[in-house]
């Protein structure tokens, strides 16, 4: 896709996430890898009211070169995109159910959501590391996110929200949506004799769908 097409798609997907309550107010941010740098939602912007021409652009060294000032959490996206060269986009949300899991799970935990459905495994993967709590905007979390993202497509920030990557912008949004629904399902089944997928079934999905 061209940069112009990616800008338009980012606006469209941001509005869809906002309309369905995956982000509220100015919460959440999205980045997309370009051949010559990155696109990122601006600081204090609302995902429901993005403007394509005002989306921030950063060069390959993460310097701001166009559009509005980027999100104050640019380091979060840099952590994931440098750790995962195959990733083309990152979505960070404050979605309700995933954030709830992040308030319940212990920092350092790697499977706070069990593999209840094949779609969770296919979109998110085998692990979902929980990053210790940091104050929003604290760049000190970059190292922890980077280390975890080397082995995981998504991480969960304790008491904050999910950070999810994908090969494309659409893949990253789909994965973030699947993570939120899986978190909701996990909370609904909490305390019930739920039947997660077996390790062999998880292996089969990852071997088949990557």
Protein backbone atom coordinates (compact mmCIF):
# COMPACT_ATOMS: atom_id res chain seq x y z
CA UNK A 1 0.00 0.00 0.00
CA UNK A 2 1.10 3.58 -0.60
CA UNK A 3 1.68 5.95 2.30
CA UNK A 4 -1.50 7.81 1.37
CA UNK A 5 -3.52 4.58 1.41
CA UNK A 6 -2.03 3.60 4.78
CA UNK A 7 -2.96 7.00 6.22
CA UNK A 8 -6.55 6.56 5.06
CA UNK A 9 -6.71 3.01 6.39
CA UNK A 10 -5.31 4.12 9.75
CA UNK A 11 -8.06 6.74 10.01
CA UNK A 12 -10.72 4.17 9.08
CA UNK A 13 -9.51 1.51 11.51
CA UNK A 14 -8.95 3.99 14.32
CA UNK A 15 -12.53 5.19 13.97
CA UNK A 16 -13.79 1.60 14.01
CA UNK A 17 -11.87 0.75 17.19
CA UNK A 18 -13.11 3.93 18.87
CA UNK A 19 -16.73 3.41 17.84
CA UNK A 20 -16.74 -0.05 19.44
CA UNK A 21 -15.21 1.11 22.70
CA UNK A 22 -11.72 -0.35 22.26
CA UNK A 23 -10.35 3.09 23.11
CA UNK A 24 -11.89 6.13 24.79
CA UNK A 25 -11.00 9.79 24.79
CA UNK A 26 -7.41 10.21 23.63
CA UNK A 27 -6.34 6.75 24.85
CA UNK A 28 -4.45 4.37 22.59
CA UNK A 29 -2.08 4.83 19.68
CA UNK A 30 -1.15 3.08 16.44
CA UNK A 31 2.02 2.96 14.35
CA UNK A 32 2.77 1.64 10.86
CA UNK A 33 6.13 0.80 9.31
CA UNK A 34 6.97 2.54 6.01
CA UNK A 35 9.88 1.92 3.62
CA UNK A 36 11.42 5.21 4.77
CA UNK A 37 10.20 5.43 8.36
CA UNK A 38 6.96 5.21 10.31
CA UNK A 39 3.47 6.67 10.63
CA UNK A 40 2.08 7.23 14.12
CA UNK A 41 -1.04 8.67 15.64
CA UNK A 42 -0.37 12.13 17.12
CA UNK A 43 -0.08 12.88 20.80
CA UNK A 44 -3.39 13.47 22.60
CA UNK A 45 -5.32 12.48 19.48
CA UNK A 46 -8.56 10.52 19.53
CA UNK A 47 -8.60 7.34 17.44
CA UNK A 48 -12.15 8.22 16.47
CA UNK A 49 -11.25 11.59 14.97
CA UNK A 50 -7.92 11.17 13.19
CA UNK A 51 -7.11 13.22 10.10
CA UNK A 52 -4.96 11.53 7.47
CA UNK A 53 -2.84 14.60 6.67
CA UNK A 54 -2.09 15.28 10.35
CA UNK A 55 -0.86 11.78 11.23
CA UNK A 56 2.74 11.99 12.45
CA UNK A 57 5.58 10.81 10.27
CA UNK A 58 8.96 9.71 11.64
CA UNK A 59 12.07 8.87 9.66
CA UNK A 60 13.96 5.57 9.91
CA UNK A 61 15.84 6.90 12.97
CA UNK A 62 12.53 7.78 14.71
CA UNK A 63 12.93 11.53 14.24
CA UNK A 64 9.71 13.50 13.77
CA UNK A 65 9.69 14.78 10.19
CA UNK A 66 6.04 15.53 9.35
CA UNK A 67 2.50 15.90 10.57
CA UNK A 68 1.54 16.61 14.18
CA UNK A 69 3.80 15.69 17.10
CA UNK A 70 3.73 11.89 17.60
CA UNK A 71 2.34 10.06 20.60
CA UNK A 72 4.34 10.43 23.81
CA UNK A 73 4.51 6.63 23.79
CA UNK A 74 6.59 6.45 20.61
CA UNK A 75 9.18 4.42 22.54
CA UNK A 76 6.59 1.66 23.02
CA UNK A 77 6.20 1.24 19.27
CA UNK A 78 9.95 1.52 18.70
CA UNK A 79 10.50 -1.26 21.25
CA UNK A 80 8.23 -3.65 19.36
CA UNK A 81 9.15 -2.72 15.79
CA UNK A 82 12.88 -2.96 16.43
CA UNK A 83 12.44 -6.29 18.23
CA UNK A 84 10.24 -7.71 15.47
CA UNK A 85 11.53 -6.77 12.01
CA UNK A 86 8.72 -8.79 10.41
CA UNK A 87 6.07 -6.62 12.09
CA UNK A 88 4.50 -3.88 10.00
CA UNK A 89 2.32 -2.20 12.62
CA UNK A 90 1.66 -1.89 16.34
CA UNK A 91 -1.64 -1.18 18.11
CA UNK A 92 -1.76 -0.04 21.74
CA UNK A 93 -5.20 0.11 23.34
CA UNK A 94 -6.75 0.57 26.77
CA UNK A 95 -9.47 -1.95 25.91
CA UNK A 96 -11.54 -2.92 28.95
CA UNK A 97 -11.18 -6.68 29.22
CA UNK A 98 -7.52 -6.91 28.26
CA UNK A 99 -6.75 -4.14 30.74
CA UNK A 100 -8.72 -6.05 33.38
CA UNK A 101 -6.51 -9.07 32.79
CA UNK A 102 -3.52 -6.75 33.14
CA UNK A 103 -4.80 -5.72 36.57
CA UNK A 104 -5.18 -9.35 37.67
CA UNK A 105 -2.07 -10.96 36.19
CA UNK A 106 1.30 -10.93 37.92
CA UNK A 107 4.14 -9.03 36.20
CA UNK A 108 6.37 -11.58 34.53
CA UNK A 109 3.52 -13.97 33.82
CA UNK A 110 3.60 -15.23 30.23
CA UNK A 111 0.14 -16.78 29.80
CA UNK A 112 -2.45 -14.62 31.59
CA UNK A 113 -5.05 -15.68 29.00
CA UNK A 114 -5.32 -19.43 28.35
CA UNK A 115 -5.49 -20.71 24.75
CA UNK A 116 -9.26 -21.14 24.76
CA UNK A 117 -9.79 -20.67 21.02
CA UNK A 118 -7.71 -21.30 17.91
CA UNK A 119 -8.18 -17.68 16.86
CA UNK A 120 -6.38 -16.39 19.92
CA UNK A 121 -3.42 -18.66 19.17
CA UNK A 122 -3.43 -17.77 15.47
CA UNK A 123 -3.58 -14.00 16.04
CA UNK A 124 -1.72 -13.52 19.31
CA UNK A 125 0.47 -16.60 19.61
CA UNK A 126 1.63 -18.88 22.39
CA UNK A 127 2.63 -16.26 24.95
CA UNK A 128 1.44 -12.87 26.21
CA UNK A 129 4.11 -11.54 28.59
CA UNK A 130 2.95 -9.18 31.33
CA UNK A 131 5.24 -6.13 31.63
CA UNK A 132 5.65 -4.59 35.12
CA UNK A 133 3.75 -1.38 35.79
CA UNK A 134 5.30 1.90 34.63
CA UNK A 135 3.79 5.34 34.71
CA UNK A 136 2.22 6.18 31.30
CA UNK A 137 4.79 7.90 29.12
CA UNK A 138 7.73 6.50 31.12
CA UNK A 139 10.36 5.55 28.53
CA UNK A 140 11.96 3.21 31.08
CA UNK A 141 9.50 0.52 29.95
CA UNK A 142 11.05 0.40 26.47
CA UNK A 143 13.70 -2.16 27.40
CA UNK A 144 11.22 -4.52 29.05
CA UNK A 145 8.84 -4.31 26.09
CA UNK A 146 11.68 -4.83 23.61
CA UNK A 147 12.96 -7.93 25.39
CA UNK A 148 9.49 -9.46 25.66
CA UNK A 149 8.56 -8.61 22.07
CA UNK A 150 11.52 -10.54 20.71
CA UNK A 151 9.60 -13.73 21.55
CA UNK A 152 5.99 -12.53 21.58
CA UNK A 153 3.67 -10.81 19.11
CA UNK A 154 1.82 -9.02 21.91
CA UNK A 155 2.52 -7.91 25.46
CA UNK A 156 0.24 -6.78 28.26
CA UNK A 157 1.26 -3.73 30.28
CA UNK A 158 0.31 -4.24 33.93
CA UNK A 159 -2.62 -1.97 34.92
CA UNK A 160 -2.43 -0.24 31.54
CA UNK A 161 -3.37 -2.20 28.41
CA UNK A 162 -2.18 -4.37 25.49
CA UNK A 163 0.50 -3.66 22.90
CA UNK A 164 -0.05 -5.82 19.82
CA UNK A 165 1.92 -6.24 16.59
CA UNK A 166 1.04 -7.68 13.20
CA UNK A 167 2.60 -8.16 9.78
CA UNK A 168 0.34 -5.43 8.41
CA UNK A 169 -1.80 -2.69 9.91
CA UNK A 170 -4.90 -4.79 9.34
CA UNK A 171 -3.26 -7.83 10.95
CA UNK A 172 -2.29 -5.80 14.02
CA UNK A 173 -5.84 -4.46 14.43
CA UNK A 174 -7.34 -7.93 13.99
CA UNK A 175 -4.93 -9.29 16.61
CA UNK A 176 -5.79 -6.50 19.06
CA UNK A 177 -9.49 -7.22 18.56
CA UNK A 178 -8.96 -10.95 19.06
CA UNK A 179 -6.95 -10.30 22.22
CA UNK A 180 -9.76 -8.18 23.67
CA UNK A 181 -12.41 -10.80 22.91
CA UNK A 182 -10.20 -13.57 24.31
CA UNK A 183 -9.72 -11.56 27.50
CA UNK A 184 -13.49 -11.14 27.78
CA UNK A 185 -13.99 -14.87 27.28
CA UNK A 186 -11.32 -15.72 29.87
CA UNK A 187 -13.00 -13.49 32.44
CA UNK A 188 -16.44 -14.97 31.67
CA UNK A 189 -15.06 -18.48 32.22
CA UNK A 190 -13.01 -17.62 35.30
CA UNK A 191 -13.66 -20.26 37.97
CA UNK A 192 -15.45 -22.56 35.50
CA UNK A 193 -14.09 -25.92 34.27
CA UNK A 194 -13.10 -24.48 30.89
CA UNK A 195 -11.23 -26.69 28.43
CA UNK A 196 -8.21 -24.89 26.90
CA UNK A 197 -6.46 -26.15 23.81
CA UNK A 198 -3.77 -28.72 24.51
CA UNK A 199 -0.06 -27.98 23.87
CA UNK A 200 -0.24 -30.28 20.83
CA UNK A 201 -3.23 -28.38 19.45
CA UNK A 202 -1.43 -25.07 19.99
CA UNK A 203 1.66 -26.43 18.22
CA UNK A 204 -0.48 -27.59 15.29
CA UNK A 205 -2.03 -24.12 14.90
CA UNK A 206 1.31 -22.32 15.06
CA UNK A 207 2.92 -24.78 12.64
CA UNK A 208 0.02 -24.39 10.22
CA UNK A 209 -0.71 -20.68 10.46
CA UNK A 210 2.58 -19.32 11.77
